[in-house]
Amino acid sequence: MQLFTVRSAGPLAGEVTVQGAKNSVLKLMAASLLAEGTTRLENVPRITDVETMGEVLTAIGAEVRRDESGDLLVTTPAVCTPVAPYELVERMRASIVVLGPLLARHHFARVSLPGGDDFGSRPIDMHLRALGELGAKFTTEHGYVEGRCDRFVGTRVVLEYPSHTATDNILSAAVLAKGTTVIENAAREPEVQDLAGLLCAMGAHISGAGTSRIEVEGVDELHAASHRAVADRVEAATFLAAVAIAGGEVHVRGAHPEHMDMYLEKLSAMGVSIEPTLSGISARFEGRPNAVDVSTLPYPGVATDYKPLLVTVLAIAEGVAIVSENIYAGRFRYVDELRRMGADIRTEGHHAVVRGVPRLSGAPVRAPDIRAGAALVLAGLVADGETLVTGIEHIDRGYENFDGKLRALGADVTRGDDQPTAAP
């Protein structure tokens, strides 16, 4: 079992480049199933979730490889095996996005019910209901969802909640439907716009991506294309939070400030100097941050992925803050780990009261999910002594070379094997 060892090393300094967005790349890979041929995806991070999605696509019949430049090539055959097996899908919830493309192109799909990070129930009922409105019929048994349909027929789909993944699944299905599909209350994330960009490059007709109303005019077939994935705003947010926690001055190259408006507002209210640049975002800070209240909301609000980072900043802030989780009920499970490091946090239902302390204390902690794991590493940057973060396989699912990027900024973070203590 591997772990990160983190020690305080003072303020950060330098530049870090943002990877391609995990939450976009996985959907782009799934969308490659919509057309025969080789789809080239640029700016794809070398993370475990990409490897897992590659294995899912390989099981379906596609060939997934990197070329000499590092671009990801997905070659989809004329006929796929439209089955996504349990042993792969249970490792990553995003695998459910193969359902829409498989049904749209092959009119049949058998996909295991998804797994992934453990921070509360995320049912796929919304996906099935929307795809059912387009013409699919589903049965669920033995842990699998099995769907069948003739060609999808365009319709008006109203989402009860602007789910990012459901929007992606519907969008990838509607592009091959007969007629026009309108998605109301659609998710507005930049990653949805990114998926629409690839689909349009493949020959789809889509308008309104990035708004709450997306209109898709179905086409008879799509073709393979090339596309560069949008920058990962959550990775950018992570390094900006590192500055708020450890202090210093860092330039986050490739970050898009227009994708992070509310997050940047929160950091500014905490006292962090944020400056958009031609190539990214610069952040500068010293001292202790100010306490500010935070509520997670669908985009363009504060994303739930940002919350563990902000809670960690607030753990060392001056004052008291209330943090409300409005997306996933179980996403305070990392708080006990921060408490082990001396944080003063009390949770009740969807809310947490965070009373800032001057400094944290190093301790053994375990990463429960991707973003909480990254936040625990950042907590170690201002903890007395040594912080040992286990469960870093979660962090590797979403961050490429996380420890290396932090070291390049001056942090003391090393990766190593957990050595059990010998019996006396």
Protein backbone atom coordinates (compact mmCIF):
# COMPACT_ATOMS: atom_id res chain seq x y z
CA MET A 1 0.00 0.00 0.00
CA GLN A 2 1.38 3.38 -0.99
CA LEU A 3 1.07 6.63 0.93
CA PHE A 4 2.08 10.28 0.83
CA THR A 5 4.32 11.65 3.56
CA VAL A 6 3.74 15.40 3.99
CA ARG A 7 5.74 17.87 6.08
CA SER A 8 5.40 21.63 6.40
CA ALA A 9 7.95 23.45 4.24
CA GLY A 10 6.77 27.05 4.19
CA PRO A 11 5.16 29.11 1.40
CA LEU A 12 4.77 27.78 -2.13
CA ALA A 13 6.29 29.44 -5.18
CA GLY A 14 6.42 28.82 -8.91
CA GLU A 15 4.17 27.66 -11.73
CA VAL A 16 2.06 24.56 -12.25
CA THR A 17 0.27 23.49 -15.44
CA VAL A 18 -3.29 22.17 -15.27
CA GLN A 19 -4.08 18.78 -16.82
CA GLY A 20 -7.08 18.00 -19.00
CA ALA A 21 -10.34 17.70 -17.09
CA LYS A 22 -11.04 14.24 -15.71
CA ASN A 23 -14.76 15.00 -15.63
CA SER A 24 -14.67 15.78 -19.34
CA VAL A 25 -12.16 13.26 -20.68
CA LEU A 26 -14.12 10.24 -19.45
CA LYS A 27 -17.23 11.45 -21.32
CA LEU A 28 -15.18 12.22 -24.44
CA MET A 29 -13.81 8.68 -24.40
CA ALA A 30 -17.32 7.23 -24.11
CA ALA A 31 -18.55 9.46 -26.95
CA SER A 32 -15.92 7.93 -29.25
CA LEU A 33 -18.16 4.83 -29.33
CA LEU A 34 -20.62 6.81 -31.46
CA ALA A 35 -18.55 6.55 -34.66
CA GLU A 36 -16.45 3.96 -36.41
CA GLY A 37 -12.80 4.95 -36.75
CA THR A 38 -10.13 6.58 -34.61
CA THR A 39 -10.95 9.54 -32.41
CA ARG A 40 -7.92 11.52 -31.19
CA LEU A 41 -8.15 13.16 -27.78
CA GLU A 42 -5.47 15.64 -26.72
CA ASN A 43 -4.62 16.85 -23.20
CA VAL A 44 -5.70 13.58 -21.57
CA PRO A 45 -4.19 13.11 -18.10
CA ARG A 46 -2.40 9.93 -17.09
CA ILE A 47 -4.72 9.03 -14.23
CA THR A 48 -6.28 5.80 -13.04
CA ASP A 49 -9.82 6.76 -14.08
CA VAL A 50 -8.66 7.20 -17.67
CA GLU A 51 -7.04 3.76 -17.51
CA THR A 52 -10.28 2.29 -16.15
CA MET A 53 -12.40 3.90 -18.85
CA GLY A 54 -9.90 2.61 -21.40
CA GLU A 55 -10.45 -0.90 -20.03
CA VAL A 56 -14.23 -0.41 -20.25
CA LEU A 57 -13.95 0.65 -23.91
CA THR A 58 -11.58 -2.25 -24.64
CA ALA A 59 -14.10 -4.70 -23.17
CA ILE A 60 -16.71 -3.18 -25.48
CA GLY A 61 -14.45 -3.79 -28.48
CA ALA A 62 -12.57 -0.52 -28.98
CA GLU A 63 -8.78 -0.18 -29.09
CA VAL A 64 -7.35 2.46 -26.73
CA ARG A 65 -3.72 3.57 -26.88
CA ARG A 66 -1.41 6.57 -26.57
CA ASP A 67 0.66 7.77 -29.50
CA GLU A 68 4.22 9.11 -29.31
CA SER A 69 2.94 12.62 -28.50
CA GLY A 70 0.87 11.36 -25.57
CA ASP A 71 -2.51 11.86 -27.27
CA LEU A 72 -5.15 9.22 -26.56
CA LEU A 73 -6.43 7.34 -29.61
CA VAL A 74 -9.71 5.44 -29.39
CA THR A 75 -10.40 3.21 -32.39
CA THR A 76 -14.01 2.03 -32.50
CA PRO A 77 -14.96 -0.90 -34.76
CA ALA A 78 -18.03 -1.13 -36.95
CA VAL A 79 -19.61 -3.56 -34.48
CA CYS A 80 -19.04 -3.36 -30.73
CA THR A 81 -19.84 -5.73 -27.90
CA PRO A 82 -22.24 -3.44 -26.01
CA VAL A 83 -21.59 -4.86 -22.53
CA ALA A 84 -19.75 -3.00 -19.76
CA PRO A 85 -18.76 -5.56 -17.11
CA TYR A 86 -19.15 -5.23 -13.35
CA GLU A 87 -15.47 -5.63 -12.46
CA LEU A 88 -14.70 -2.41 -14.37
CA VAL A 89 -17.81 -0.28 -13.87
CA GLU A 90 -17.89 -0.82 -10.11
CA ARG A 91 -14.54 1.00 -9.89
CA MET A 92 -15.88 4.22 -11.41
CA ARG A 93 -19.38 5.70 -11.50
CA ALA A 94 -18.68 7.69 -14.67
CA SER A 95 -18.71 4.42 -16.63
CA ILE A 96 -22.50 4.76 -16.86
CA VAL A 97 -21.97 7.33 -19.67
CA VAL A 98 -21.34 4.49 -22.14
CA LEU A 99 -25.05 3.66 -21.89
CA GLY A 100 -26.27 6.50 -24.13
CA PRO A 101 -23.72 6.01 -26.93
CA LEU A 102 -24.19 2.21 -27.00
CA LEU A 103 -27.98 2.45 -27.21
CA ALA A 104 -27.80 5.20 -29.84
CA ARG A 105 -25.49 3.28 -32.16
CA HIS A 106 -26.14 -0.40 -31.38
CA HIS A 107 -29.69 -0.23 -29.96
CA PHE A 108 -28.69 -2.50 -27.09
CA ALA A 109 -26.55 -2.09 -23.98
CA ARG A 110 -25.85 -4.07 -20.85
CA VAL A 111 -24.05 -2.00 -18.23
CA SER A 112 -23.25 -2.86 -14.63
CA LEU A 113 -24.67 -0.56 -11.98
CA PRO A 114 -21.89 1.95 -11.22
CA GLY A 115 -19.51 2.22 -8.27
CA GLY A 116 -16.82 4.85 -7.61
CA ASP A 117 -16.30 7.30 -4.75
CA ASP A 118 -18.24 6.54 -1.60
CA PHE A 119 -19.91 9.78 -0.60
CA GLY A 120 -23.58 9.03 -0.85
CA SER A 121 -26.17 7.65 -3.23
CA ARG A 122 -26.15 8.86 -6.82
CA PRO A 123 -28.96 6.89 -8.46
CA ILE A 124 -29.13 6.55 -12.23
CA ASP A 125 -32.92 6.78 -12.36
CA MET A 126 -32.67 10.16 -14.07
CA HIS A 127 -30.54 8.65 -16.85
CA LEU A 128 -32.94 5.75 -17.42
CA ARG A 129 -36.04 7.94 -17.37
CA ALA A 130 -34.59 10.39 -19.90
CA LEU A 131 -33.31 7.66 -22.23
CA GLY A 132 -36.69 5.97 -21.85
CA GLU A 133 -38.36 9.14 -23.10
CA LEU A 134 -36.16 8.90 -26.18
CA GLY A 135 -37.44 5.35 -26.75
CA ALA A 136 -35.32 2.91 -24.71
CA LYS A 137 -36.79 0.18 -22.53
CA PHE A 138 -34.84 -1.05 -19.51
CA THR A 139 -34.71 -4.03 -17.20
CA THR A 140 -32.51 -4.30 -14.12
CA GLU A 141 -31.38 -7.64 -12.75
CA HIS A 142 -28.31 -9.31 -11.27
CA GLY A 143 -26.60 -5.92 -10.84
CA TYR A 144 -26.90 -4.92 -14.50
CA VAL A 145 -29.04 -2.46 -16.42
CA GLU A 146 -30.07 -3.81 -19.79
CA GLY A 147 -31.49 -1.42 -22.37
CA ARG A 148 -33.00 -1.94 -25.81
CA CYS A 149 -34.39 0.43 -28.39
CA ASP A 150 -34.96 1.02 -32.04
CA ARG A 151 -33.56 4.31 -33.25
CA PHE A 152 -34.04 7.01 -30.63
CA VAL A 153 -36.73 9.58 -31.44
CA GLY A 154 -36.18 13.18 -30.45
CA THR A 155 -38.34 14.60 -27.69
CA ARG A 156 -38.37 17.20 -24.91
CA VAL A 157 -36.55 15.96 -21.81
CA VAL A 158 -36.93 17.91 -18.55
CA LEU A 159 -34.36 17.03 -15.88
CA GLU A 160 -35.58 17.29 -12.29
CA TYR A 161 -32.03 18.31 -11.36
CA PRO A 162 -29.23 19.66 -13.62
CA SER A 163 -27.14 16.50 -13.37
CA HIS A 164 -23.84 16.78 -15.19
CA THR A 165 -23.50 13.07 -15.99
CA ALA A 166 -27.16 12.65 -16.96
CA THR A 167 -26.88 15.62 -19.34
CA ASP A 168 -23.81 14.04 -20.93
CA ASN A 169 -25.56 10.69 -21.35
CA ILE A 170 -28.66 12.23 -22.92
CA LEU A 171 -26.58 14.47 -25.18
CA SER A 172 -24.57 11.48 -26.43
CA ALA A 173 -27.78 9.58 -27.15
CA ALA A 174 -29.72 12.40 -28.80
CA VAL A 175 -27.10 13.14 -31.47
CA LEU A 176 -28.17 10.00 -33.40
CA ALA A 177 -31.90 10.33 -32.69
CA LYS A 178 -34.49 10.94 -35.38
CA GLY A 179 -35.66 14.55 -35.11
CA THR A 180 -35.00 17.19 -32.46
CA THR A 181 -34.30 16.64 -28.78
CA VAL A 182 -34.53 19.49 -26.28
CA ILE A 183 -32.91 19.05 -22.84
CA GLU A 184 -34.44 21.43 -20.29
CA ASN A 185 -32.73 22.19 -16.97
CA ALA A 186 -29.53 20.84 -18.49
CA ALA A 187 -26.23 21.00 -16.63
CA ARG A 188 -24.20 24.06 -17.62
CA GLU A 189 -20.67 22.95 -16.73
CA PRO A 190 -17.74 23.73 -19.04
CA GLU A 191 -17.27 19.97 -19.39
CA VAL A 192 -20.73 19.68 -20.97
CA GLN A 193 -19.68 22.33 -23.47
CA ASP A 194 -16.49 20.36 -24.08
CA LEU A 195 -18.44 17.17 -24.87
CA ALA A 196 -20.69 19.14 -27.22
CA GLY A 197 -17.55 20.44 -28.92
CA LEU A 198 -16.32 16.92 -29.68
CA LEU A 199 -19.77 15.76 -30.80
CA CYS A 200 -20.06 18.71 -33.19
CA ALA A 201 -16.59 17.92 -34.56
CA MET A 202 -17.95 14.40 -35.20
CA GLY A 203 -20.84 15.87 -37.21
CA ALA A 204 -23.54 16.45 -34.57
CA HIS A 205 -25.85 19.48 -34.60
CA ILE A 206 -26.03 20.96 -31.09
CA SER A 207 -26.94 24.42 -29.85
CA GLY A 208 -27.21 25.84 -26.35
CA ALA A 209 -24.51 23.76 -24.62
CA GLY A 210 -23.47 25.70 -21.55
CA THR A 211 -27.01 26.94 -20.97
CA SER A 212 -29.94 25.29 -19.21
CA ARG A 213 -31.60 24.52 -22.58
CA ILE A 214 -29.74 22.36 -25.09
CA GLU A 215 -31.20 21.58 -28.51
CA VAL A 216 -29.95 18.62 -30.56
CA GLU A 217 -30.92 17.96 -34.16
CA GLY A 218 -30.25 14.26 -34.72
CA VAL A 219 -28.14 13.02 -37.62
CA ASP A 220 -27.94 9.59 -39.29
CA GLU A 221 -24.31 8.95 -38.45
CA LEU A 222 -21.19 10.52 -36.98
CA HIS A 223 -17.52 10.27 -37.93
CA ALA A 224 -14.34 10.08 -35.87
CA ALA A 225 -12.68 13.41 -35.04
CA SER A 226 -9.92 15.09 -33.05
CA HIS A 227 -10.49 17.22 -29.96
CA ARG A 228 -8.48 18.84 -27.15
CA ALA A 229 -9.96 18.39 -23.69
CA VAL A 230 -10.72 21.46 -21.60
CA ALA A 231 -8.48 22.22 -18.61
CA ASP A 232 -9.39 20.65 -15.26
CA ARG A 233 -10.93 23.40 -13.12
CA VAL A 234 -10.93 21.16 -10.04
CA GLU A 235 -7.19 20.55 -10.30
CA ALA A 236 -6.73 24.30 -10.75
CA ALA A 237 -8.88 24.87 -7.66
CA THR A 238 -6.68 22.43 -5.73
CA PHE A 239 -3.48 24.37 -6.35
CA LEU A 240 -5.20 27.67 -5.61
CA ALA A 241 -6.37 26.19 -2.30
CA ALA A 242 -2.78 25.12 -1.61
CA VAL A 243 -1.75 28.77 -1.78
CA ALA A 244 -4.56 29.75 0.59
CA ILE A 245 -3.36 27.07 3.03
CA ALA A 246 0.43 27.26 2.80
CA GLY A 247 0.85 30.84 1.55
CA GLY A 248 3.15 31.99 -1.22
CA GLU A 249 2.69 32.92 -4.87
CA VAL A 250 1.79 30.44 -7.61
CA HIS A 251 0.77 30.76 -11.24
CA VAL A 252 -1.69 28.08 -12.37
CA ARG A 253 -1.09 27.83 -16.10
CA GLY A 254 -4.00 26.75 -18.28
CA ALA A 255 -6.70 27.52 -15.71
CA HIS A 256 -9.82 29.31 -16.98
CA PRO A 257 -11.01 31.93 -14.47
CA GLU A 258 -14.38 32.19 -16.24
CA HIS A 259 -15.02 28.54 -15.30
CA MET A 260 -14.44 29.19 -11.59
CA ASP A 261 -16.18 32.49 -10.82
CA MET A 262 -17.82 31.58 -7.50
CA TYR A 263 -14.79 29.64 -6.25
CA LEU A 264 -12.50 32.57 -6.99
CA GLU A 265 -14.93 34.89 -5.21
CA LYS A 266 -14.72 32.69 -2.10
CA LEU A 267 -10.92 32.65 -2.16
CA SER A 268 -10.86 36.42 -2.63
CA ALA A 269 -13.19 36.86 0.35
CA MET A 270 -10.77 34.71 2.36
CA GLY A 271 -8.02 37.21 1.54
CA VAL A 272 -6.26 35.46 -1.34
CA SER A 273 -5.09 37.81 -4.11
CA ILE A 274 -6.40 36.34 -7.37
CA GLU A 275 -5.24 37.72 -10.72
CA PRO A 276 -6.38 36.31 -14.07
CA THR A 277 -3.56 36.28 -16.61
CA LEU A 278 -3.32 35.65 -20.33
CA SER A 279 -2.26 32.06 -19.63
CA GLY A 280 -4.09 31.19 -16.41
CA ILE A 281 -4.54 32.43 -12.84
CA SER A 282 -1.99 33.82 -10.37
CA ALA A 283 -2.63 33.54 -6.63
CA ARG A 284 -0.75 35.22 -3.79
CA PHE A 285 -1.33 34.96 -0.05
CA GLU A 286 0.29 35.21 3.37
CA GLY A 287 -1.03 34.92 6.89
CA ARG A 288 -4.27 33.21 7.90
CA PRO A 289 -7.37 33.23 5.67
CA ASN A 290 -10.66 34.83 6.70
CA ALA A 291 -13.63 32.58 7.52
CA VAL A 292 -16.44 32.74 4.95
CA ASP A 293 -19.65 30.70 4.63
CA VAL A 294 -19.89 28.23 1.73
CA SER A 295 -22.85 26.47 0.08
CA THR A 296 -22.46 23.98 -2.75
CA LEU A 297 -24.78 24.41 -5.72
CA PRO A 298 -24.97 23.25 -9.35
CA TYR A 299 -22.75 25.15 -11.80
CA PRO A 300 -22.08 28.07 -11.85
CA GLY A 301 -22.30 27.82 -8.05
CA VAL A 302 -19.56 26.41 -5.82
CA ALA A 303 -19.03 22.83 -7.01
CA THR A 304 -19.25 20.00 -4.50
CA ASP A 305 -15.76 18.92 -5.68
CA TYR A 306 -14.39 22.22 -4.32
CA LYS A 307 -15.85 21.74 -0.86
CA PRO A 308 -13.18 19.52 0.76
CA LEU A 309 -10.58 22.02 -0.40
CA LEU A 310 -12.48 24.97 1.04
CA VAL A 311 -13.22 23.18 4.32
CA THR A 312 -9.48 22.54 4.70
CA VAL A 313 -8.73 26.23 4.11
CA LEU A 314 -11.40 27.17 6.65
CA ALA A 315 -9.91 24.74 9.17
CA ILE A 316 -7.00 27.18 9.62
CA ALA A 317 -8.97 30.40 9.04
CA GLU A 318 -9.60 33.17 11.52
CA GLY A 319 -13.23 32.94 12.66
CA VAL A 320 -16.13 30.55 12.25
CA ALA A 321 -17.72 29.43 8.97
CA ILE A 322 -20.80 27.39 8.08
CA VAL A 323 -20.47 25.02 5.12
CA SER A 324 -23.63 23.57 3.57
CA GLU A 325 -23.61 20.57 1.22
CA ASN A 326 -26.58 20.69 -1.15
CA ILE A 327 -25.48 18.03 -3.67
CA TYR A 328 -24.43 14.79 -1.96
CA ALA A 329 -25.57 13.88 1.53
CA GLY A 330 -22.51 11.84 2.46
CA ARG A 331 -19.77 14.21 1.47
CA PHE A 332 -18.53 15.15 4.96
CA ARG A 333 -16.92 11.77 5.56
CA TYR A 334 -13.39 13.22 5.41
CA VAL A 335 -14.09 15.57 8.32
CA ASP A 336 -13.12 12.92 10.88
CA GLU A 337 -9.69 12.77 9.23
CA LEU A 338 -9.26 16.54 9.53
CA ARG A 339 -10.30 16.29 13.17
CA ARG A 340 -7.48 13.80 13.68
CA MET A 341 -5.19 16.62 12.58
CA GLY A 342 -6.63 19.03 15.13
CA ALA A 343 -9.34 20.71 13.07
CA ASP A 344 -12.38 21.99 14.99
CA ILE A 345 -15.30 20.92 12.79
CA ARG A 346 -18.78 19.90 13.86
CA THR A 347 -21.20 18.37 11.36
CA GLU A 348 -24.95 18.01 11.46
CA GLY A 349 -26.81 16.69 8.46
CA HIS A 350 -25.92 18.75 5.40
CA HIS A 351 -24.03 21.38 7.39
CA ALA A 352 -20.63 21.78 9.03
CA VAL A 353 -19.48 24.44 11.46
CA VAL A 354 -15.76 25.09 11.02
CA ARG A 355 -13.90 26.97 13.75
CA GLY A 356 -10.48 27.85 12.47
CA VAL A 357 -7.36 26.92 14.44
CA PRO A 358 -3.92 28.54 14.00
CA ARG A 359 -2.21 25.33 12.92
CA LEU A 360 -2.94 21.67 12.37
CA SER A 361 -1.04 18.68 13.73
CA GLY A 362 0.42 15.90 11.60
CA ALA A 363 -1.28 12.53 11.94
CA PRO A 364 -1.98 9.32 9.99
CA VAL A 365 -5.10 9.91 7.85
CA ARG A 366 -6.86 8.05 5.05
CA ALA A 367 -8.20 9.52 1.80
CA PRO A 368 -11.88 8.55 1.38
CA ASP A 369 -12.26 9.90 -2.17
CA ILE A 370 -10.39 11.84 -4.84
CA ARG A 371 -10.91 15.45 -3.74
CA ALA A 372 -10.95 14.78 0.00
CA GLY A 373 -7.67 12.91 -0.44
CA ALA A 374 -6.09 15.89 -2.16
CA ALA A 375 -7.42 18.17 0.59
CA LEU A 376 -5.80 16.00 3.29
CA VAL A 377 -2.45 16.30 1.53
CA LEU A 378 -2.89 20.09 1.50
CA ALA A 379 -3.74 20.03 5.20
CA GLY A 380 -0.36 18.42 5.80
CA LEU A 381 1.33 21.48 4.28
CA VAL A 382 0.51 23.45 7.46
CA ALA A 383 0.60 20.68 10.05
CA ASP A 384 3.25 20.35 12.72
CA GLY A 385 5.24 17.15 12.32
CA GLU A 386 4.53 14.51 9.73
CA THR A 387 1.24 13.69 7.99
CA LEU A 388 0.87 10.22 6.49
CA VAL A 389 -1.92 10.00 3.89
CA THR A 390 -2.98 6.48 2.92
CA GLY A 391 -5.67 5.56 0.39
CA ILE A 392 -3.82 7.56 -2.24
CA GLU A 393 -5.17 5.27 -4.96
CA HIS A 394 -8.19 7.59 -4.78
CA ILE A 395 -6.00 10.64 -5.46
CA ASP A 396 -4.35 8.86 -8.39
CA ARG A 397 -7.80 8.43 -9.95
CA GLY A 398 -8.04 12.17 -10.55
CA TYR A 399 -4.58 13.76 -10.34
CA GLU A 400 -1.54 13.11 -12.52
CA ASN A 401 1.76 13.38 -10.60
CA PHE A 402 0.11 15.25 -7.71
CA ASP A 403 3.09 14.90 -5.39
CA GLY A 404 5.54 15.89 -8.12
CA LYS A 405 3.63 19.05 -8.97
CA LEU A 406 3.49 20.05 -5.30
CA ARG A 407 7.23 19.40 -4.86
CA ALA A 408 7.94 21.63 -7.86
CA LEU A 409 6.23 24.43 -5.91
CA GLY A 410 8.40 23.82 -2.84
CA ALA A 411 6.15 21.47 -0.87
CA ASP A 412 7.59 18.53 1.06
CA VAL A 413 5.47 15.65 -0.25
CA THR A 414 6.89 12.22 -1.00
CA ARG A 415 5.34 8.99 -2.23
CA GLY A 416 6.39 5.71 -0.70
CA ASP A 417 5.30 2.31 0.46
CA ASP A 418 3.63 1.85 3.81
CA GLN A 419 6.08 -0.18 5.86
CA PRO A 420 4.37 -2.22 8.59
CA THR A 421 6.02 -2.06 12.00
CA ALA A 422 7.91 -5.24 12.77
CA ALA A 423 6.66 -7.33 15.69
CA PRO A 424 8.84 -7.01 18.82
